[in-house]
């Protein structure tokens, strides 16, 4: 099996060796990021990325990160050029996998309690 191109999530994960403990170094998060960036431009690559995500386990849902039905729905929407809906569906799977990532990314919210 080839390591892939230098900038692909697969290559970064291989080089990193999953030694980092940070969630930001999670291979699945890299796959999501690349899929988001290619939704409008590279359907074959998005399909490959979704296939990879369907092989990875989400302990929060006790199933694949992207189930086969969702993968098929996203690809169907993209083929119909309904990128917005496909993006929303991809984001819903992302939130199921990394529900705290948005809070981590934006920092703690200020509240007047």
N, C-alpha and C. Protein backbone atom coordinates (compact mmCIF):
# COMPACT_ATOMS: atom_id res chain seq x y z
N UNK A 1 0.85 -1.17 0.00
CA UNK A 1 0.00 0.00 0.00
C UNK A 1 0.90 1.24 0.00
N UNK A 2 0.63 2.16 -0.86
CA UNK A 2 1.44 3.37 -0.97
C UNK A 2 1.06 4.35 0.12
N UNK A 3 2.00 5.20 0.49
CA UNK A 3 1.76 6.20 1.52
C UNK A 3 0.87 7.31 1.02
N UNK A 4 0.74 7.48 -0.27
CA UNK A 4 -0.09 8.54 -0.83
C UNK A 4 0.74 9.78 -1.09
N UNK A 5 0.08 10.77 -1.63
CA UNK A 5 0.74 12.03 -1.91
C UNK A 5 1.13 12.71 -0.60
N UNK A 6 2.18 13.55 -0.62
CA UNK A 6 2.67 14.16 0.62
C UNK A 6 1.64 14.94 1.41
N UNK A 7 0.67 15.59 0.76
CA UNK A 7 -0.29 16.43 1.48
C UNK A 7 -1.58 15.73 1.86
N UNK A 8 -1.73 14.46 1.57
CA UNK A 8 -2.98 13.78 1.86
C UNK A 8 -3.10 13.43 3.34
N UNK A 9 -4.31 13.26 3.84
CA UNK A 9 -4.47 12.86 5.24
C UNK A 9 -3.76 11.54 5.54
N UNK A 10 -3.77 10.62 4.57
CA UNK A 10 -3.12 9.34 4.78
C UNK A 10 -1.62 9.52 5.02
N UNK A 11 -0.99 10.36 4.21
CA UNK A 11 0.44 10.60 4.34
C UNK A 11 0.76 11.29 5.66
N UNK A 12 -0.06 12.27 6.04
CA UNK A 12 0.18 12.97 7.31
C UNK A 12 0.05 11.99 8.48
N UNK A 13 -0.96 11.13 8.44
CA UNK A 13 -1.14 10.16 9.51
C UNK A 13 0.03 9.18 9.56
N UNK A 14 0.51 8.76 8.43
CA UNK A 14 1.64 7.84 8.37
C UNK A 14 2.88 8.49 8.98
N UNK A 15 3.16 9.73 8.58
CA UNK A 15 4.33 10.43 9.11
C UNK A 15 4.19 10.68 10.60
N UNK A 16 3.00 11.03 11.04
CA UNK A 16 2.72 11.35 12.43
C UNK A 16 2.74 10.09 13.28
N UNK A 17 2.34 8.98 12.68
CA UNK A 17 2.33 7.72 13.40
C UNK A 17 1.33 7.67 14.54
N UNK A 18 0.36 8.55 14.55
CA UNK A 18 -0.67 8.60 15.59
C UNK A 18 -0.07 8.73 16.98
N UNK A 19 1.11 9.32 17.09
CA UNK A 19 1.76 9.49 18.38
C UNK A 19 1.24 10.70 19.13
N UNK A 20 0.68 11.65 18.43
CA UNK A 20 0.18 12.86 19.06
C UNK A 20 -1.11 12.55 19.81
N UNK A 21 -1.33 13.19 20.91
CA UNK A 21 -2.54 12.96 21.69
C UNK A 21 -3.61 14.00 21.41
N UNK A 22 -3.28 15.03 20.67
CA UNK A 22 -4.22 16.09 20.40
C UNK A 22 -5.32 15.62 19.45
N UNK A 23 -6.57 16.03 19.71
CA UNK A 23 -7.68 15.68 18.82
C UNK A 23 -7.46 16.29 17.44
N UNK A 24 -6.75 17.40 17.39
CA UNK A 24 -6.53 18.06 16.12
C UNK A 24 -5.63 17.24 15.20
N UNK A 25 -4.97 16.23 15.74
CA UNK A 25 -4.11 15.37 14.94
C UNK A 25 -4.81 14.08 14.54
N UNK A 26 -6.10 13.99 14.78
CA UNK A 26 -6.90 12.82 14.48
C UNK A 26 -7.03 12.65 12.96
N UNK A 27 -6.72 11.46 12.47
CA UNK A 27 -6.80 11.15 11.05
C UNK A 27 -8.18 11.44 10.48
N UNK A 28 -9.24 11.08 11.21
CA UNK A 28 -10.61 11.31 10.72
C UNK A 28 -10.89 12.79 10.54
N UNK A 29 -10.37 13.63 11.43
CA UNK A 29 -10.58 15.06 11.28
C UNK A 29 -9.90 15.59 10.03
N UNK A 30 -8.74 15.03 9.71
CA UNK A 30 -8.06 15.38 8.46
C UNK A 30 -8.91 14.99 7.25
N UNK A 31 -9.54 13.81 7.33
CA UNK A 31 -10.40 13.35 6.23
C UNK A 31 -11.59 14.28 6.06
N UNK A 32 -12.22 14.66 7.17
CA UNK A 32 -13.35 15.58 7.10
C UNK A 32 -12.92 16.90 6.47
N UNK A 33 -11.79 17.42 6.91
CA UNK A 33 -11.32 18.71 6.39
C UNK A 33 -11.09 18.64 4.88
N UNK A 34 -10.46 17.58 4.42
CA UNK A 34 -10.22 17.48 2.99
C UNK A 34 -11.53 17.30 2.22
N UNK A 35 -12.44 16.49 2.76
CA UNK A 35 -13.73 16.28 2.09
C UNK A 35 -14.48 17.60 1.94
N UNK A 36 -14.49 18.41 3.01
CA UNK A 36 -15.14 19.72 2.95
C UNK A 36 -14.56 20.57 1.82
N UNK A 37 -13.25 20.55 1.71
CA UNK A 37 -12.59 21.42 0.73
C UNK A 37 -12.79 20.95 -0.70
N UNK A 38 -13.21 19.71 -0.90
CA UNK A 38 -13.33 19.17 -2.26
C UNK A 38 -14.77 18.89 -2.68
N UNK A 39 -15.73 19.26 -1.87
CA UNK A 39 -17.13 18.95 -2.18
C UNK A 39 -17.56 19.44 -3.56
N UNK A 40 -17.09 20.58 -3.97
CA UNK A 40 -17.51 21.15 -5.24
C UNK A 40 -16.61 20.78 -6.40
N UNK A 41 -15.43 20.24 -6.10
CA UNK A 41 -14.44 20.11 -7.17
C UNK A 41 -14.01 18.70 -7.54
N UNK A 42 -14.09 17.74 -6.61
CA UNK A 42 -13.50 16.42 -6.88
C UNK A 42 -14.35 15.31 -6.26
N UNK A 43 -15.40 14.93 -6.99
CA UNK A 43 -16.33 13.91 -6.47
C UNK A 43 -15.65 12.58 -6.21
N UNK A 44 -14.72 12.18 -7.07
CA UNK A 44 -14.04 10.89 -6.86
C UNK A 44 -13.25 10.89 -5.55
N UNK A 45 -12.57 11.99 -5.28
CA UNK A 45 -11.79 12.07 -4.04
C UNK A 45 -12.71 12.11 -2.83
N UNK A 46 -13.81 12.85 -2.92
CA UNK A 46 -14.77 12.89 -1.81
C UNK A 46 -15.31 11.50 -1.55
N UNK A 47 -15.63 10.76 -2.59
CA UNK A 47 -16.12 9.40 -2.43
C UNK A 47 -15.08 8.54 -1.72
N UNK A 48 -13.82 8.69 -2.10
CA UNK A 48 -12.73 7.94 -1.45
C UNK A 48 -12.63 8.33 0.03
N UNK A 49 -12.70 9.62 0.32
CA UNK A 49 -12.61 10.08 1.70
C UNK A 49 -13.77 9.57 2.55
N UNK A 50 -14.97 9.59 1.99
CA UNK A 50 -16.14 9.07 2.70
C UNK A 50 -16.01 7.57 2.93
N UNK A 51 -15.45 6.87 1.95
CA UNK A 51 -15.22 5.43 2.11
C UNK A 51 -14.27 5.19 3.28
N UNK A 52 -13.21 5.99 3.37
CA UNK A 52 -12.27 5.87 4.50
C UNK A 52 -12.99 6.14 5.82
N UNK A 53 -13.82 7.18 5.85
CA UNK A 53 -14.55 7.50 7.07
C UNK A 53 -15.55 6.41 7.44
N UNK A 54 -16.06 5.69 6.45
CA UNK A 54 -17.00 4.60 6.74
C UNK A 54 -16.28 3.38 7.32
N UNK A 55 -14.97 3.33 7.18
CA UNK A 55 -14.18 2.22 7.74
C UNK A 55 -13.70 2.50 9.15
N UNK A 56 -13.81 3.74 9.58
CA UNK A 56 -13.34 4.13 10.90
C UNK A 56 -14.49 4.12 11.90
N UNK A 57 -14.17 3.79 13.14
CA UNK A 57 -15.16 3.60 14.19
C UNK A 57 -15.38 4.88 14.99
N UNK A 58 -16.64 5.18 15.26
CA UNK A 58 -17.02 6.29 16.13
C UNK A 58 -17.54 5.70 17.43
N UNK A 59 -16.77 5.78 18.50
CA UNK A 59 -17.22 5.20 19.77
C UNK A 59 -18.44 5.92 20.35
N UNK A 60 -18.68 7.15 19.95
CA UNK A 60 -19.83 7.88 20.47
C UNK A 60 -21.15 7.36 19.90
N UNK A 61 -21.12 6.79 18.71
CA UNK A 61 -22.33 6.25 18.10
C UNK A 61 -22.29 4.73 17.98
N UNK A 62 -21.17 4.13 18.37
CA UNK A 62 -20.96 2.68 18.27
C UNK A 62 -21.19 2.19 16.84
N UNK A 63 -20.58 2.89 15.90
CA UNK A 63 -20.70 2.53 14.50
C UNK A 63 -19.67 3.28 13.68
N UNK A 64 -19.78 3.19 12.38
CA UNK A 64 -18.81 3.90 11.53
C UNK A 64 -19.00 5.41 11.64
N UNK A 65 -17.92 6.14 11.39
CA UNK A 65 -18.00 7.60 11.45
C UNK A 65 -19.01 8.11 10.43
N UNK A 66 -18.94 7.59 9.21
CA UNK A 66 -19.93 7.89 8.18
C UNK A 66 -20.53 6.57 7.74
N UNK A 67 -21.80 6.35 8.05
CA UNK A 67 -22.43 5.09 7.66
C UNK A 67 -22.67 5.05 6.15
N UNK A 68 -22.90 3.86 5.64
CA UNK A 68 -23.03 3.69 4.19
C UNK A 68 -24.20 4.45 3.60
N UNK A 69 -25.31 4.50 4.32
CA UNK A 69 -26.48 5.22 3.82
C UNK A 69 -26.19 6.72 3.70
N UNK A 70 -25.49 7.27 4.68
CA UNK A 70 -25.14 8.69 4.64
C UNK A 70 -24.15 8.96 3.52
N UNK A 71 -23.19 8.07 3.37
CA UNK A 71 -22.22 8.22 2.28
C UNK A 71 -22.94 8.24 0.93
N UNK A 72 -23.85 7.31 0.73
CA UNK A 72 -24.60 7.25 -0.53
C UNK A 72 -25.43 8.52 -0.72
N UNK A 73 -26.04 9.01 0.36
CA UNK A 73 -26.86 10.22 0.27
C UNK A 73 -26.01 11.45 -0.10
N UNK A 74 -24.84 11.57 0.55
CA UNK A 74 -23.95 12.70 0.25
C UNK A 74 -23.53 12.65 -1.21
N UNK A 75 -23.13 11.48 -1.68
CA UNK A 75 -22.67 11.37 -3.06
C UNK A 75 -23.82 11.64 -4.03
N UNK A 76 -25.03 11.19 -3.71
CA UNK A 76 -26.19 11.47 -4.55
C UNK A 76 -26.46 12.96 -4.64
N UNK A 77 -26.38 13.64 -3.51
CA UNK A 77 -26.60 15.09 -3.50
C UNK A 77 -25.53 15.80 -4.32
N UNK A 78 -24.29 15.36 -4.20
CA UNK A 78 -23.22 16.00 -4.97
C UNK A 78 -23.40 15.78 -6.47
N UNK A 79 -23.86 14.60 -6.84
CA UNK A 79 -24.09 14.32 -8.26
C UNK A 79 -25.23 15.17 -8.80
N UNK A 80 -26.16 15.54 -7.92
CA UNK A 80 -27.26 16.42 -8.30
C UNK A 80 -26.87 17.90 -8.15
N UNK A 81 -25.63 18.14 -7.81
CA UNK A 81 -25.09 19.50 -7.61
C UNK A 81 -25.79 20.25 -6.47
N UNK A 82 -26.17 19.50 -5.46
CA UNK A 82 -26.79 20.08 -4.27
C UNK A 82 -25.74 20.09 -3.15
N UNK A 83 -24.71 20.89 -3.38
CA UNK A 83 -23.52 20.91 -2.52
C UNK A 83 -23.86 21.38 -1.10
N UNK A 84 -24.73 22.35 -0.98
CA UNK A 84 -25.11 22.86 0.34
C UNK A 84 -25.71 21.78 1.22
N UNK A 85 -26.62 21.00 0.66
CA UNK A 85 -27.25 19.92 1.42
C UNK A 85 -26.24 18.83 1.75
N UNK A 86 -25.36 18.51 0.81
CA UNK A 86 -24.32 17.51 1.05
C UNK A 86 -23.40 17.98 2.16
N UNK A 87 -23.06 19.26 2.14
CA UNK A 87 -22.19 19.83 3.16
C UNK A 87 -22.84 19.75 4.55
N UNK A 88 -24.13 20.05 4.63
CA UNK A 88 -24.84 19.97 5.90
C UNK A 88 -24.85 18.55 6.43
N UNK A 89 -25.06 17.59 5.54
CA UNK A 89 -25.07 16.18 5.95
C UNK A 89 -23.68 15.75 6.44
N UNK A 90 -22.64 16.17 5.74
CA UNK A 90 -21.28 15.86 6.16
C UNK A 90 -21.00 16.49 7.53
N UNK A 91 -21.45 17.72 7.72
CA UNK A 91 -21.25 18.40 9.01
C UNK A 91 -21.99 17.70 10.14
N UNK A 92 -23.16 17.13 9.84
CA UNK A 92 -23.90 16.43 10.89
C UNK A 92 -23.12 15.19 11.34
N UNK A 93 -22.46 14.51 10.41
CA UNK A 93 -21.63 13.35 10.78
C UNK A 93 -20.39 13.81 11.54
N UNK A 94 -19.84 14.94 11.15
CA UNK A 94 -18.68 15.50 11.85
C UNK A 94 -19.04 15.80 13.30
N UNK A 95 -20.19 16.44 13.51
CA UNK A 95 -20.61 16.78 14.88
C UNK A 95 -20.87 15.54 15.72
N UNK A 96 -21.33 14.46 15.11
CA UNK A 96 -21.51 13.21 15.85
C UNK A 96 -20.16 12.63 16.27
N UNK A 97 -19.15 12.84 15.45
CA UNK A 97 -17.83 12.29 15.75
C UNK A 97 -17.03 13.20 16.69
N UNK A 98 -17.10 14.49 16.48
CA UNK A 98 -16.30 15.45 17.25
C UNK A 98 -17.20 16.54 17.81
N UNK A 99 -18.09 16.20 18.73
CA UNK A 99 -19.06 17.20 19.21
C UNK A 99 -18.43 18.36 19.95
N UNK A 100 -17.29 18.18 20.53
CA UNK A 100 -16.67 19.26 21.30
C UNK A 100 -15.71 20.08 20.47
N UNK A 101 -15.44 19.67 19.25
CA UNK A 101 -14.43 20.36 18.45
C UNK A 101 -14.79 21.82 18.20
N UNK A 102 -16.06 22.12 17.95
CA UNK A 102 -16.46 23.51 17.73
C UNK A 102 -16.19 24.35 18.96
N UNK A 103 -16.52 23.83 20.15
CA UNK A 103 -16.26 24.56 21.38
C UNK A 103 -14.77 24.77 21.58
N UNK A 104 -13.96 23.76 21.29
CA UNK A 104 -12.51 23.89 21.41
C UNK A 104 -11.98 24.92 20.44
N UNK A 105 -12.51 24.91 19.23
CA UNK A 105 -12.03 25.80 18.19
C UNK A 105 -12.36 27.26 18.52
N UNK A 106 -13.53 27.52 19.10
CA UNK A 106 -13.96 28.89 19.37
C UNK A 106 -13.61 29.35 20.79
N UNK A 107 -13.16 28.44 21.60
CA UNK A 107 -12.81 28.81 22.97
C UNK A 107 -14.04 28.86 23.84
N UNK A 108 -13.82 29.09 25.13
CA UNK A 108 -14.97 29.14 26.04
C UNK A 108 -15.85 30.36 25.76
N UNK A 109 -17.13 30.15 25.88
CA UNK A 109 -18.05 31.27 25.64
C UNK A 109 -18.18 32.06 26.93
N UNK A 110 -18.36 33.33 26.77
CA UNK A 110 -18.53 34.16 27.97
C UNK A 110 -20.01 34.20 28.32
N UNK A 111 -20.26 33.93 29.57
CA UNK A 111 -21.66 33.98 30.03
C UNK A 111 -21.71 34.73 31.34
N UNK A 112 -22.78 35.43 31.51
CA UNK A 112 -22.98 36.18 32.76
C UNK A 112 -23.88 35.38 33.66
N UNK A 113 -23.27 34.51 34.49
CA UNK A 113 -24.07 33.64 35.34
C UNK A 113 -24.24 34.23 36.71
